[in-house]
N, C-alpha and C. Protein backbone atom coordinates (compact mmCIF):
# COMPACT_ATOMS: atom_id res chain seq x y z
N MET A 1 -80.15 -17.92 85.07
CA MET A 1 -79.05 -18.78 84.61
C MET A 1 -79.01 -18.81 83.10
N LYS A 2 -80.20 -18.84 82.49
CA LYS A 2 -80.25 -18.88 81.03
C LYS A 2 -79.63 -17.63 80.45
N ILE A 3 -79.87 -16.51 81.17
CA ILE A 3 -79.30 -15.26 80.67
C ILE A 3 -77.78 -15.31 80.75
N LYS A 4 -77.26 -15.82 81.87
CA LYS A 4 -75.82 -15.92 82.04
C LYS A 4 -75.22 -16.83 80.99
N MET A 5 -75.90 -17.94 80.69
CA MET A 5 -75.38 -18.87 79.70
C MET A 5 -75.36 -18.22 78.33
N SER A 6 -76.34 -17.43 78.04
CA SER A 6 -76.38 -16.75 76.74
C SER A 6 -75.25 -15.75 76.62
N VAL A 7 -75.01 -15.05 77.76
CA VAL A 7 -73.92 -14.06 77.73
C VAL A 7 -72.59 -14.74 77.53
N LEU A 8 -72.43 -15.87 78.21
CA LEU A 8 -71.17 -16.60 78.06
C LEU A 8 -71.01 -17.11 76.64
N ALA A 9 -72.11 -17.57 76.04
CA ALA A 9 -72.04 -18.07 74.65
C ALA A 9 -71.65 -16.98 73.70
N VAL A 10 -72.24 -15.78 73.95
CA VAL A 10 -71.90 -14.64 73.08
C VAL A 10 -70.44 -14.26 73.25
N ALA A 11 -69.98 -14.27 74.53
CA ALA A 11 -68.59 -13.91 74.81
C ALA A 11 -67.64 -14.90 74.16
N CYS A 12 -67.99 -16.19 74.20
CA CYS A 12 -67.13 -17.19 73.55
C CYS A 12 -67.09 -16.99 72.05
N ALA A 13 -68.27 -16.67 71.51
CA ALA A 13 -68.30 -16.45 70.04
C ALA A 13 -67.44 -15.27 69.66
N LEU A 14 -67.52 -14.20 70.50
CA LEU A 14 -66.71 -13.02 70.19
C LEU A 14 -65.23 -13.32 70.32
N SER A 15 -64.86 -14.10 71.35
CA SER A 15 -63.44 -14.43 71.53
C SER A 15 -62.93 -15.30 70.39
N LEU A 16 -63.78 -16.22 69.90
CA LEU A 16 -63.38 -17.05 68.76
C LEU A 16 -63.20 -16.20 67.50
N ALA A 17 -64.09 -15.23 67.34
CA ALA A 17 -63.96 -14.35 66.17
C ALA A 17 -62.69 -13.53 66.24
N ALA A 18 -62.39 -13.08 67.48
CA ALA A 18 -61.16 -12.31 67.65
C ALA A 18 -59.95 -13.15 67.37
N CYS A 19 -59.99 -14.40 67.79
CA CYS A 19 -58.86 -15.30 67.54
C CYS A 19 -58.69 -15.54 66.05
N SER A 20 -59.82 -15.70 65.35
CA SER A 20 -59.70 -15.91 63.89
C SER A 20 -59.13 -14.69 63.19
N ASP A 21 -59.45 -13.47 63.71
CA ASP A 21 -58.87 -12.25 63.10
C ASP A 21 -57.38 -12.16 63.33
N LYS A 22 -56.95 -12.61 64.53
CA LYS A 22 -55.52 -12.55 64.85
C LYS A 22 -54.73 -13.58 64.05
N SER A 23 -55.38 -14.72 63.71
CA SER A 23 -54.64 -15.74 62.96
C SER A 23 -54.50 -15.40 61.47
N SER A 24 -55.36 -14.45 60.98
CA SER A 24 -55.31 -14.11 59.56
C SER A 24 -53.97 -13.53 59.09
N PRO A 25 -53.22 -12.81 59.91
CA PRO A 25 -51.91 -12.29 59.44
C PRO A 25 -50.93 -13.37 59.07
N ALA A 26 -51.26 -14.65 59.48
CA ALA A 26 -50.32 -15.72 59.11
C ALA A 26 -50.24 -15.87 57.60
N VAL A 27 -51.33 -15.54 56.88
CA VAL A 27 -51.33 -15.68 55.43
C VAL A 27 -50.32 -14.73 54.79
N PRO A 28 -50.33 -13.43 55.20
CA PRO A 28 -49.28 -12.57 54.65
C PRO A 28 -47.90 -13.05 55.00
N ALA A 29 -47.76 -13.72 56.16
CA ALA A 29 -46.44 -14.22 56.55
C ALA A 29 -45.97 -15.25 55.53
N GLU A 30 -46.91 -16.07 54.99
CA GLU A 30 -46.53 -17.06 54.01
C GLU A 30 -46.21 -16.38 52.67
N VAL A 31 -46.94 -15.30 52.38
CA VAL A 31 -46.71 -14.59 51.12
C VAL A 31 -45.44 -13.78 51.18
N ALA A 32 -45.05 -13.40 52.41
CA ALA A 32 -43.90 -12.52 52.60
C ALA A 32 -42.66 -12.99 51.87
N PRO A 33 -42.35 -14.32 51.85
CA PRO A 33 -41.13 -14.73 51.14
C PRO A 33 -41.13 -14.32 49.66
N SER A 34 -42.38 -14.19 49.09
CA SER A 34 -42.41 -13.81 47.67
C SER A 34 -41.87 -12.41 47.45
N SER A 35 -41.95 -11.59 48.52
CA SER A 35 -41.43 -10.23 48.37
C SER A 35 -39.92 -10.22 48.26
N THR A 36 -39.29 -11.33 48.63
CA THR A 36 -37.82 -11.41 48.52
C THR A 36 -37.39 -11.80 47.11
N ALA A 37 -38.36 -12.18 46.25
CA ALA A 37 -38.01 -12.59 44.89
C ALA A 37 -37.27 -11.50 44.13
N PRO A 38 -37.73 -10.24 44.19
CA PRO A 38 -36.96 -9.19 43.50
C PRO A 38 -35.52 -9.10 43.98
N LEU A 39 -35.30 -9.43 45.27
CA LEU A 39 -33.93 -9.40 45.76
C LEU A 39 -33.08 -10.45 45.06
N ALA A 40 -33.70 -11.58 44.70
CA ALA A 40 -32.95 -12.64 44.03
C ALA A 40 -32.58 -12.23 42.61
N THR A 41 -33.43 -11.40 41.98
CA THR A 41 -33.12 -10.98 40.60
C THR A 41 -32.07 -9.88 40.57
N ALA A 42 -31.97 -9.14 41.69
CA ALA A 42 -31.00 -8.04 41.72
C ALA A 42 -29.58 -8.52 41.47
N PRO A 43 -29.12 -9.64 42.10
CA PRO A 43 -27.76 -10.11 41.82
C PRO A 43 -27.56 -10.50 40.36
N GLN A 44 -28.65 -10.98 39.68
CA GLN A 44 -28.51 -11.35 38.28
C GLN A 44 -28.18 -10.14 37.42
N VAL A 45 -28.83 -9.01 37.73
CA VAL A 45 -28.55 -7.79 36.98
C VAL A 45 -27.13 -7.33 37.23
N GLU A 46 -26.70 -7.46 38.49
CA GLU A 46 -25.33 -7.06 38.82
C GLU A 46 -24.32 -8.00 38.15
N ALA A 47 -24.69 -9.29 38.04
CA ALA A 47 -23.77 -10.24 37.43
C ALA A 47 -23.62 -9.98 35.94
N GLN A 48 -24.65 -9.41 35.29
CA GLN A 48 -24.57 -9.14 33.87
C GLN A 48 -23.70 -7.93 33.58
N ALA A 49 -23.57 -7.02 34.51
CA ALA A 49 -22.80 -5.80 34.28
C ALA A 49 -21.36 -6.09 33.90
N PRO A 50 -20.64 -7.01 34.61
CA PRO A 50 -19.28 -7.31 34.19
C PRO A 50 -19.23 -7.94 32.80
N ALA A 51 -20.29 -8.73 32.42
CA ALA A 51 -20.29 -9.38 31.11
C ALA A 51 -20.28 -8.35 30.00
N THR A 52 -21.04 -7.24 30.17
CA THR A 52 -21.06 -6.21 29.13
C THR A 52 -19.81 -5.36 29.17
N SER A 53 -19.18 -5.25 30.35
CA SER A 53 -18.00 -4.42 30.46
C SER A 53 -16.76 -5.10 29.87
N MET A 54 -16.75 -6.45 29.82
CA MET A 54 -15.59 -7.16 29.28
C MET A 54 -15.40 -6.88 27.79
N PRO A 55 -16.46 -7.00 26.92
CA PRO A 55 -16.25 -6.67 25.52
C PRO A 55 -15.80 -5.23 25.32
N ALA A 56 -16.30 -4.33 26.17
CA ALA A 56 -15.88 -2.93 26.04
C ALA A 56 -14.40 -2.79 26.28
N ALA A 57 -13.90 -3.52 27.30
CA ALA A 57 -12.47 -3.46 27.58
C ALA A 57 -11.66 -4.07 26.45
N MET A 58 -12.19 -5.21 25.93
CA MET A 58 -11.48 -5.85 24.81
C MET A 58 -11.48 -4.96 23.59
N ALA A 59 -12.61 -4.26 23.32
CA ALA A 59 -12.67 -3.36 22.18
C ALA A 59 -11.69 -2.22 22.33
N ALA A 60 -11.54 -1.75 23.59
CA ALA A 60 -10.59 -0.66 23.83
C ALA A 60 -9.17 -1.12 23.55
N GLU A 61 -8.86 -2.39 23.96
CA GLU A 61 -7.52 -2.91 23.70
C GLU A 61 -7.28 -3.07 22.20
N THR A 62 -8.33 -3.55 21.47
CA THR A 62 -8.19 -3.72 20.02
C THR A 62 -7.99 -2.39 19.34
N ALA A 63 -8.75 -1.37 19.80
CA ALA A 63 -8.64 -0.04 19.19
C ALA A 63 -7.26 0.55 19.37
N THR A 64 -6.66 0.28 20.54
CA THR A 64 -5.33 0.82 20.77
C THR A 64 -4.26 0.00 20.09
N ALA A 65 -4.55 -1.32 19.85
CA ALA A 65 -3.54 -2.17 19.24
C ALA A 65 -3.48 -1.99 17.74
N SER A 66 -4.64 -1.70 17.07
CA SER A 66 -4.66 -1.63 15.62
C SER A 66 -3.80 -0.54 15.03
N PRO A 67 -3.68 0.66 15.63
CA PRO A 67 -2.83 1.66 14.99
C PRO A 67 -1.34 1.34 15.01
N GLU A 68 -0.90 0.41 15.89
CA GLU A 68 0.53 0.15 16.03
C GLU A 68 1.18 -0.37 14.76
N PRO A 69 0.53 -1.35 13.99
CA PRO A 69 1.20 -1.80 12.78
C PRO A 69 1.33 -0.72 11.73
N SER A 70 0.42 0.28 11.76
CA SER A 70 0.47 1.31 10.72
C SER A 70 1.70 2.18 10.84
N GLY A 71 2.29 2.28 12.01
CA GLY A 71 3.48 3.10 12.21
C GLY A 71 4.65 2.63 11.38
N PRO A 72 5.05 1.34 11.50
CA PRO A 72 6.17 0.85 10.70
C PRO A 72 5.90 0.92 9.21
N LEU A 73 4.62 0.64 8.82
CA LEU A 73 4.31 0.70 7.41
C LEU A 73 4.48 2.11 6.87
N ALA A 74 4.01 3.09 7.63
CA ALA A 74 4.15 4.47 7.19
C ALA A 74 5.61 4.86 7.09
N ASP A 75 6.42 4.40 8.05
CA ASP A 75 7.85 4.73 8.01
C ASP A 75 8.52 4.07 6.82
N GLU A 76 8.09 2.81 6.54
CA GLU A 76 8.71 2.09 5.43
C GLU A 76 8.38 2.80 4.12
N THR A 77 7.10 3.24 3.98
CA THR A 77 6.71 3.94 2.77
C THR A 77 7.49 5.24 2.64
N ALA A 78 7.70 5.93 3.74
CA ALA A 78 8.40 7.21 3.70
C ALA A 78 9.83 7.04 3.24
N THR A 79 10.47 5.91 3.59
CA THR A 79 11.85 5.70 3.17
C THR A 79 11.93 5.14 1.76
N THR A 80 10.85 4.48 1.30
CA THR A 80 10.89 3.88 -0.02
C THR A 80 10.64 4.88 -1.13
N VAL A 81 9.66 5.76 -0.93
CA VAL A 81 9.28 6.69 -1.98
C VAL A 81 10.42 7.61 -2.40
N PRO A 82 11.14 8.24 -1.44
CA PRO A 82 12.26 9.08 -1.88
C PRO A 82 13.32 8.28 -2.62
N GLY A 83 13.52 7.02 -2.25
CA GLY A 83 14.54 6.21 -2.91
C GLY A 83 14.20 5.95 -4.37
N THR A 84 12.91 5.74 -4.66
CA THR A 84 12.53 5.45 -6.04
C THR A 84 12.53 6.70 -6.91
N SER A 85 12.39 7.87 -6.32
CA SER A 85 12.31 9.10 -7.10
C SER A 85 13.69 9.68 -7.41
N SER A 86 14.73 9.24 -6.72
CA SER A 86 16.06 9.78 -6.94
C SER A 86 16.71 9.11 -8.15
N PRO A 87 17.51 9.85 -8.94
CA PRO A 87 18.16 9.27 -10.12
C PRO A 87 19.13 8.16 -9.74
N LEU A 88 19.21 7.15 -10.60
CA LEU A 88 20.15 6.05 -10.40
C LEU A 88 21.29 6.24 -11.40
N ASN A 89 22.49 6.44 -10.90
CA ASN A 89 23.64 6.66 -11.77
C ASN A 89 24.20 5.33 -12.26
N ALA A 90 24.45 5.25 -13.55
CA ALA A 90 25.03 4.04 -14.12
C ALA A 90 26.49 3.93 -13.72
N ALA A 91 26.94 2.72 -13.47
CA ALA A 91 28.35 2.48 -13.14
C ALA A 91 29.18 2.61 -14.42
N VAL A 92 30.25 3.40 -14.34
CA VAL A 92 31.11 3.65 -15.50
C VAL A 92 32.51 3.13 -15.20
N SER A 93 33.09 2.41 -16.15
CA SER A 93 34.45 1.90 -16.00
C SER A 93 35.10 1.78 -17.38
N ASN A 94 36.34 2.28 -17.48
CA ASN A 94 37.08 2.21 -18.75
C ASN A 94 36.27 2.80 -19.92
N CYS A 95 35.67 3.96 -19.65
CA CYS A 95 34.91 4.68 -20.69
C CYS A 95 33.78 3.82 -21.26
N ALA A 96 33.12 3.07 -20.40
CA ALA A 96 32.01 2.22 -20.84
C ALA A 96 31.04 2.02 -19.68
N THR A 97 29.82 1.70 -20.02
CA THR A 97 28.81 1.38 -19.00
C THR A 97 27.85 0.35 -19.54
N GLU A 98 27.20 -0.35 -18.64
CA GLU A 98 26.16 -1.32 -19.02
C GLU A 98 24.90 -1.00 -18.25
N ILE A 99 23.81 -0.87 -18.95
CA ILE A 99 22.52 -0.66 -18.30
C ILE A 99 21.57 -1.77 -18.73
N GLU A 100 20.53 -1.94 -17.97
CA GLU A 100 19.58 -3.02 -18.23
C GLU A 100 18.20 -2.45 -18.52
N GLY A 101 17.44 -3.19 -19.29
CA GLY A 101 16.03 -2.90 -19.53
C GLY A 101 15.23 -4.15 -19.23
N ASN A 102 14.01 -4.00 -18.72
CA ASN A 102 13.23 -5.18 -18.33
C ASN A 102 11.83 -5.15 -18.94
N ASP A 103 11.05 -6.15 -18.60
CA ASP A 103 9.70 -6.27 -19.15
C ASP A 103 8.72 -5.28 -18.52
N ALA A 104 9.16 -4.56 -17.51
CA ALA A 104 8.31 -3.53 -16.87
C ALA A 104 8.59 -2.15 -17.44
N MET A 105 9.27 -2.09 -18.58
CA MET A 105 9.62 -0.82 -19.24
C MET A 105 10.43 0.07 -18.30
N GLN A 106 11.53 -0.46 -17.79
CA GLN A 106 12.39 0.30 -16.89
C GLN A 106 13.85 0.13 -17.28
N PHE A 107 14.59 1.23 -17.23
CA PHE A 107 16.04 1.18 -17.32
C PHE A 107 16.59 1.02 -15.91
N SER A 108 17.71 0.35 -15.79
CA SER A 108 18.34 0.20 -14.47
C SER A 108 19.04 1.47 -14.03
N ALA A 109 19.22 2.42 -14.94
CA ALA A 109 19.87 3.70 -14.60
C ALA A 109 19.10 4.84 -15.26
N LEU A 110 19.04 5.95 -14.56
CA LEU A 110 18.37 7.15 -15.08
C LEU A 110 19.36 8.26 -15.36
N SER A 111 20.64 7.98 -15.15
CA SER A 111 21.67 9.00 -15.38
C SER A 111 22.98 8.31 -15.77
N ILE A 112 23.62 8.84 -16.81
CA ILE A 112 24.93 8.35 -17.22
C ILE A 112 25.88 9.55 -17.24
N VAL A 113 26.94 9.46 -16.46
CA VAL A 113 27.95 10.53 -16.40
C VAL A 113 29.22 10.01 -17.05
N VAL A 114 29.59 10.61 -18.16
CA VAL A 114 30.76 10.18 -18.93
C VAL A 114 31.98 10.98 -18.47
N PRO A 115 33.09 10.32 -18.15
CA PRO A 115 34.30 11.05 -17.76
C PRO A 115 34.82 11.92 -18.91
N ALA A 116 35.20 13.13 -18.59
CA ALA A 116 35.70 14.05 -19.61
C ALA A 116 37.00 13.55 -20.24
N SER A 117 37.69 12.65 -19.58
CA SER A 117 38.95 12.11 -20.11
C SER A 117 38.74 11.11 -21.24
N CYS A 118 37.50 10.66 -21.43
CA CYS A 118 37.21 9.66 -22.47
C CYS A 118 37.05 10.32 -23.84
N LYS A 119 37.64 9.72 -24.84
CA LYS A 119 37.45 10.20 -26.21
C LYS A 119 36.24 9.54 -26.85
N ASP A 120 36.07 8.28 -26.58
CA ASP A 120 34.90 7.51 -27.04
C ASP A 120 34.25 6.85 -25.83
N PHE A 121 32.97 6.61 -25.98
CA PHE A 121 32.24 5.99 -24.87
C PHE A 121 31.33 4.90 -25.43
N LYS A 122 31.25 3.81 -24.67
CA LYS A 122 30.46 2.66 -25.11
C LYS A 122 29.31 2.40 -24.13
N ILE A 123 28.12 2.24 -24.67
CA ILE A 123 26.94 1.89 -23.86
C ILE A 123 26.47 0.50 -24.29
N THR A 124 26.36 -0.39 -23.34
CA THR A 124 25.84 -1.74 -23.58
C THR A 124 24.47 -1.87 -22.92
N LEU A 125 23.50 -2.32 -23.67
CA LEU A 125 22.13 -2.53 -23.16
C LEU A 125 21.85 -4.01 -23.07
N LYS A 126 21.50 -4.46 -21.87
CA LYS A 126 21.14 -5.86 -21.64
C LYS A 126 19.66 -5.95 -21.31
N HIS A 127 18.93 -6.70 -22.11
CA HIS A 127 17.50 -6.88 -21.88
C HIS A 127 17.32 -8.07 -20.92
N THR A 128 16.91 -7.78 -19.70
CA THR A 128 16.81 -8.83 -18.68
C THR A 128 15.42 -9.48 -18.63
N GLY A 129 14.53 -9.03 -19.51
CA GLY A 129 13.18 -9.61 -19.51
C GLY A 129 13.10 -10.90 -20.31
N ARG A 130 11.87 -11.34 -20.55
CA ARG A 130 11.64 -12.58 -21.29
C ARG A 130 10.79 -12.37 -22.54
N LEU A 131 10.13 -11.24 -22.63
CA LEU A 131 9.24 -11.00 -23.76
C LEU A 131 10.04 -10.78 -25.05
N PRO A 132 9.50 -11.19 -26.19
CA PRO A 132 10.21 -11.04 -27.46
C PRO A 132 10.30 -9.58 -27.90
N VAL A 133 11.16 -9.33 -28.86
CA VAL A 133 11.40 -7.97 -29.33
C VAL A 133 10.14 -7.34 -29.91
N THR A 134 9.27 -8.16 -30.50
CA THR A 134 8.04 -7.61 -31.08
C THR A 134 7.06 -7.09 -30.03
N ALA A 135 7.15 -7.63 -28.81
CA ALA A 135 6.23 -7.21 -27.75
C ALA A 135 6.85 -6.24 -26.76
N MET A 136 8.14 -6.39 -26.48
CA MET A 136 8.81 -5.57 -25.47
C MET A 136 10.25 -5.30 -25.88
N GLY A 137 10.42 -4.74 -27.08
CA GLY A 137 11.77 -4.43 -27.54
C GLY A 137 12.32 -3.19 -26.84
N HIS A 138 13.65 -3.15 -26.67
CA HIS A 138 14.32 -2.00 -26.05
C HIS A 138 15.54 -1.61 -26.87
N ASP A 139 15.84 -0.32 -26.86
CA ASP A 139 17.07 0.18 -27.45
C ASP A 139 17.51 1.42 -26.66
N VAL A 140 18.64 1.98 -27.03
CA VAL A 140 19.13 3.21 -26.43
C VAL A 140 19.39 4.21 -27.57
N VAL A 141 18.71 5.35 -27.49
CA VAL A 141 18.88 6.41 -28.48
C VAL A 141 19.34 7.66 -27.74
N ILE A 142 20.38 8.31 -28.26
CA ILE A 142 20.94 9.51 -27.62
C ILE A 142 20.68 10.74 -28.49
N THR A 143 20.07 11.74 -27.92
CA THR A 143 19.79 13.00 -28.63
C THR A 143 19.86 14.14 -27.61
N LYS A 144 19.63 15.35 -28.08
CA LYS A 144 19.44 16.45 -27.15
C LYS A 144 18.10 16.25 -26.44
N GLU A 145 18.03 16.71 -25.23
CA GLU A 145 16.78 16.59 -24.47
C GLU A 145 15.61 17.25 -25.22
N SER A 146 15.89 18.37 -25.87
CA SER A 146 14.84 19.10 -26.59
C SER A 146 14.36 18.37 -27.84
N ASP A 147 15.12 17.38 -28.31
CA ASP A 147 14.75 16.66 -29.53
C ASP A 147 14.09 15.30 -29.26
N VAL A 148 14.01 14.92 -28.02
CA VAL A 148 13.53 13.57 -27.69
C VAL A 148 12.15 13.29 -28.28
N GLN A 149 11.19 14.16 -28.05
CA GLN A 149 9.82 13.90 -28.49
C GLN A 149 9.73 13.80 -30.01
N ALA A 150 10.40 14.71 -30.72
CA ALA A 150 10.34 14.70 -32.17
C ALA A 150 11.03 13.48 -32.76
N VAL A 151 12.20 13.14 -32.23
CA VAL A 151 12.93 11.96 -32.70
C VAL A 151 12.13 10.69 -32.41
N ASP A 152 11.50 10.64 -31.25
CA ASP A 152 10.69 9.48 -30.89
C ASP A 152 9.50 9.33 -31.83
N ALA A 153 8.84 10.44 -32.14
CA ALA A 153 7.69 10.39 -33.04
C ALA A 153 8.09 9.95 -34.45
N ASP A 154 9.21 10.49 -34.94
CA ASP A 154 9.68 10.10 -36.28
C ASP A 154 10.14 8.65 -36.30
N GLY A 155 10.72 8.18 -35.21
CA GLY A 155 11.14 6.78 -35.13
C GLY A 155 9.95 5.85 -35.14
N MET A 156 8.88 6.24 -34.45
CA MET A 156 7.68 5.42 -34.44
C MET A 156 7.09 5.33 -35.85
N ALA A 157 7.15 6.45 -36.58
CA ALA A 157 6.64 6.45 -37.96
C ALA A 157 7.51 5.58 -38.87
N ALA A 158 8.81 5.54 -38.58
CA ALA A 158 9.72 4.73 -39.39
C ALA A 158 9.44 3.24 -39.22
N GLY A 159 8.97 2.84 -38.04
CA GLY A 159 8.55 1.46 -37.81
C GLY A 159 9.65 0.51 -37.39
N ALA A 160 9.24 -0.75 -37.21
CA ALA A 160 10.15 -1.77 -36.71
C ALA A 160 11.27 -2.08 -37.69
N VAL A 161 10.99 -1.97 -38.98
CA VAL A 161 12.01 -2.27 -39.99
C VAL A 161 13.22 -1.35 -39.83
N ALA A 162 12.96 -0.07 -39.44
CA ALA A 162 14.05 0.90 -39.25
C ALA A 162 14.56 0.90 -37.82
N GLY A 163 14.07 -0.03 -37.01
CA GLY A 163 14.50 -0.07 -35.60
C GLY A 163 13.96 1.11 -34.82
N TYR A 164 12.83 1.65 -35.26
CA TYR A 164 12.16 2.79 -34.61
C TYR A 164 13.08 4.01 -34.49
N VAL A 165 13.97 4.17 -35.48
CA VAL A 165 14.83 5.36 -35.58
C VAL A 165 14.82 5.80 -37.04
N LYS A 166 14.48 7.03 -37.28
CA LYS A 166 14.46 7.56 -38.65
C LYS A 166 15.86 7.47 -39.27
N ALA A 167 15.92 6.98 -40.46
CA ALA A 167 17.21 6.79 -41.13
C ALA A 167 17.92 8.12 -41.33
N ALA A 168 19.22 8.13 -41.03
CA ALA A 168 20.08 9.32 -41.23
C ALA A 168 19.52 10.56 -40.54
N ASP A 169 18.93 10.39 -39.39
CA ASP A 169 18.39 11.54 -38.63
C ASP A 169 19.55 12.29 -37.99
N PRO A 170 19.80 13.56 -38.39
CA PRO A 170 20.94 14.30 -37.83
C PRO A 170 20.80 14.61 -36.34
N ARG A 171 19.61 14.53 -35.83
CA ARG A 171 19.39 14.80 -34.40
C ARG A 171 19.83 13.62 -33.52
N VAL A 172 19.97 12.45 -34.11
CA VAL A 172 20.36 11.26 -33.37
C VAL A 172 21.88 11.19 -33.29
N ILE A 173 22.40 11.27 -32.07
CA ILE A 173 23.85 11.22 -31.85
C ILE A 173 24.36 9.79 -31.95
N ALA A 174 23.62 8.86 -31.38
CA ALA A 174 23.98 7.44 -31.44
C ALA A 174 22.77 6.62 -31.04
N HIS A 175 22.74 5.35 -31.46
CA HIS A 175 21.64 4.47 -31.04
C HIS A 175 22.04 3.02 -31.22
N THR A 176 21.49 2.17 -30.39
CA THR A 176 21.71 0.73 -30.50
C THR A 176 20.61 0.14 -31.38
N SER A 177 20.72 -1.14 -31.63
CA SER A 177 19.62 -1.86 -32.28
C SER A 177 18.56 -2.19 -31.23
N VAL A 178 17.41 -2.63 -31.67
CA VAL A 178 16.33 -3.02 -30.74
C VAL A 178 16.47 -4.50 -30.43
N VAL A 179 16.44 -4.84 -29.13
CA VAL A 179 16.60 -6.24 -28.71
C VAL A 179 15.43 -6.67 -27.83
N GLY A 180 15.22 -7.99 -27.79
CA GLY A 180 14.17 -8.56 -26.95
C GLY A 180 14.76 -9.22 -25.71
N GLY A 181 13.91 -9.91 -24.96
CA GLY A 181 14.32 -10.53 -23.70
C GLY A 181 15.50 -11.47 -23.87
N GLY A 182 16.52 -11.31 -23.00
CA GLY A 182 17.70 -12.16 -23.02
C GLY A 182 18.77 -11.74 -24.00
N GLU A 183 18.53 -10.67 -24.75
CA GLU A 183 19.50 -10.23 -25.75
C GLU A 183 20.29 -9.00 -25.28
N THR A 184 21.42 -8.77 -25.92
CA THR A 184 22.30 -7.64 -25.56
C THR A 184 22.72 -6.90 -26.83
N THR A 185 22.85 -5.59 -26.72
CA THR A 185 23.31 -4.77 -27.83
C THR A 185 24.18 -3.64 -27.28
N SER A 186 24.98 -3.01 -28.14
CA SER A 186 25.83 -1.92 -27.66
C SER A 186 26.11 -0.93 -28.79
N VAL A 187 26.59 0.26 -28.42
CA VAL A 187 26.96 1.29 -29.38
C VAL A 187 28.09 2.12 -28.79
N SER A 188 29.01 2.58 -29.63
CA SER A 188 30.09 3.48 -29.22
C SER A 188 29.97 4.78 -30.00
N PHE A 189 30.37 5.89 -29.40
CA PHE A 189 30.27 7.18 -30.07
C PHE A 189 31.32 8.13 -29.48
N PRO A 190 31.71 9.16 -30.25
CA PRO A 190 32.67 10.14 -29.73
C PRO A 190 32.05 10.97 -28.61
N VAL A 191 32.79 11.14 -27.53
CA VAL A 191 32.30 11.92 -26.38
C VAL A 191 32.08 13.37 -26.77
N SER A 192 32.81 13.85 -27.76
CA SER A 192 32.68 15.25 -28.19
C SER A 192 31.26 15.58 -28.66
N LYS A 193 30.52 14.56 -29.08
CA LYS A 193 29.16 14.80 -29.57
C LYS A 193 28.18 15.17 -28.46
N ILE A 194 28.55 14.92 -27.22
CA ILE A 194 27.66 15.31 -26.11
C ILE A 194 28.35 16.36 -25.23
N GLN A 195 29.25 17.14 -25.84
CA GLN A 195 29.93 18.21 -25.12
C GLN A 195 29.58 19.59 -25.68
N GLY A 196 28.53 19.67 -26.41
CA GLY A 196 28.11 20.97 -26.93
C GLY A 196 26.91 21.49 -26.17
N ASP A 197 26.02 22.11 -26.92
CA ASP A 197 24.79 22.62 -26.32
C ASP A 197 23.93 21.45 -25.85
N GLY A 198 23.57 21.46 -24.63
CA GLY A 198 22.75 20.39 -24.04
C GLY A 198 21.51 20.95 -23.38
N PRO A 199 20.94 20.23 -22.49
CA PRO A 199 21.36 18.90 -22.00
C PRO A 199 21.04 17.79 -23.00
N PHE A 200 21.67 16.63 -22.76
CA PHE A 200 21.48 15.48 -23.63
C PHE A 200 20.75 14.37 -22.86
N ALA A 201 20.10 13.51 -23.63
CA ALA A 201 19.29 12.45 -23.00
C ALA A 201 19.45 11.14 -23.76
N PHE A 202 19.12 10.06 -23.08
CA PHE A 202 19.01 8.76 -23.74
C PHE A 202 17.62 8.21 -23.44
N PHE A 203 17.06 7.47 -24.40
CA PHE A 203 15.71 6.93 -24.21
C PHE A 203 15.52 5.70 -25.07
N CYS A 204 14.43 4.99 -24.82
CA CYS A 204 14.05 3.83 -25.61
C CYS A 204 13.02 4.29 -26.64
N SER A 205 13.28 3.99 -27.92
CA SER A 205 12.39 4.47 -28.98
C SER A 205 11.29 3.47 -29.35
N PHE A 206 11.23 2.33 -28.66
CA PHE A 206 10.14 1.39 -28.92
C PHE A 206 8.83 2.11 -28.60
N PRO A 207 7.80 1.95 -29.44
CA PRO A 207 6.57 2.71 -29.26
C PRO A 207 6.01 2.67 -27.84
N GLY A 208 5.82 3.87 -27.29
CA GLY A 208 5.22 4.00 -25.96
C GLY A 208 6.18 3.86 -24.79
N HIS A 209 7.47 3.64 -25.03
CA HIS A 209 8.43 3.40 -23.96
C HIS A 209 9.14 4.65 -23.46
N SER A 210 9.27 5.66 -24.27
CA SER A 210 10.13 6.80 -23.92
C SER A 210 9.66 7.54 -22.67
N ALA A 211 8.37 7.52 -22.38
CA ALA A 211 7.87 8.23 -21.20
C ALA A 211 8.44 7.66 -19.91
N LEU A 212 8.68 6.34 -19.89
CA LEU A 212 9.21 5.69 -18.70
C LEU A 212 10.72 5.42 -18.81
N MET A 213 11.16 5.07 -20.01
CA MET A 213 12.56 4.71 -20.21
C MET A 213 13.29 5.91 -20.80
N HIS A 214 13.69 6.79 -19.89
CA HIS A 214 14.22 8.10 -20.30
C HIS A 214 15.19 8.56 -19.20
N GLY A 215 16.39 8.94 -19.61
CA GLY A 215 17.38 9.40 -18.62
C GLY A 215 18.29 10.47 -19.20
N SER A 216 19.21 10.96 -18.39
CA SER A 216 20.13 12.01 -18.81
C SER A 216 21.53 11.44 -19.01
N ILE A 217 22.28 12.06 -19.94
CA ILE A 217 23.67 11.70 -20.17
C ILE A 217 24.48 12.99 -20.28
N SER A 218 25.60 13.04 -19.56
CA SER A 218 26.40 14.26 -19.51
C SER A 218 27.87 13.91 -19.38
N VAL A 219 28.71 14.92 -19.52
CA VAL A 219 30.17 14.74 -19.43
C VAL A 219 30.69 15.55 -18.27
N LYS A 220 31.47 14.92 -17.42
CA LYS A 220 32.08 15.63 -16.28
C LYS A 220 33.50 15.14 -16.08
């Protein structure tokens, strides 16, 4: 009987050990939910993808939108530049014309066409600026185109007292006095004087102005 009891005790011990081995997988079962943690992070990565794609889409829209304003500006520049480079003809009426000079060293006309029917012609210069004659004086001097530089240089040497025109210069066909802002001056001359060998020009003899204030005068 003692032997049988010992065998039964051993058998019970073995069965208890087997039961404890079978219950051990319960621990991994509790740990198993932790394996789902990476699955929870996966949606976060997917949720971030649209966030990075939105700025890219906005940048693409900005890149396509920015060139649009440049089109009208380029067109406007294209129409403006040719307009400023073309000669401006002075309005002529009753054998006379009026042109303007301003503080930006500009004549309002770059070309004067005198009617061949006129015996005498009158040019009136109106200074539309505000600067005084000592700082921004203007006049109109008429010579042959080939004499402009020499007449201008001699006028500068003659100085303000001579009105920046050399006294009794035979190359000078006609000239006005020098005026400042708000003042007006004029000169008349026989049209026959600009009907010979040309071309003829008009310019401002105030020092440094002739390069910008320079135009043509002809008879037609």
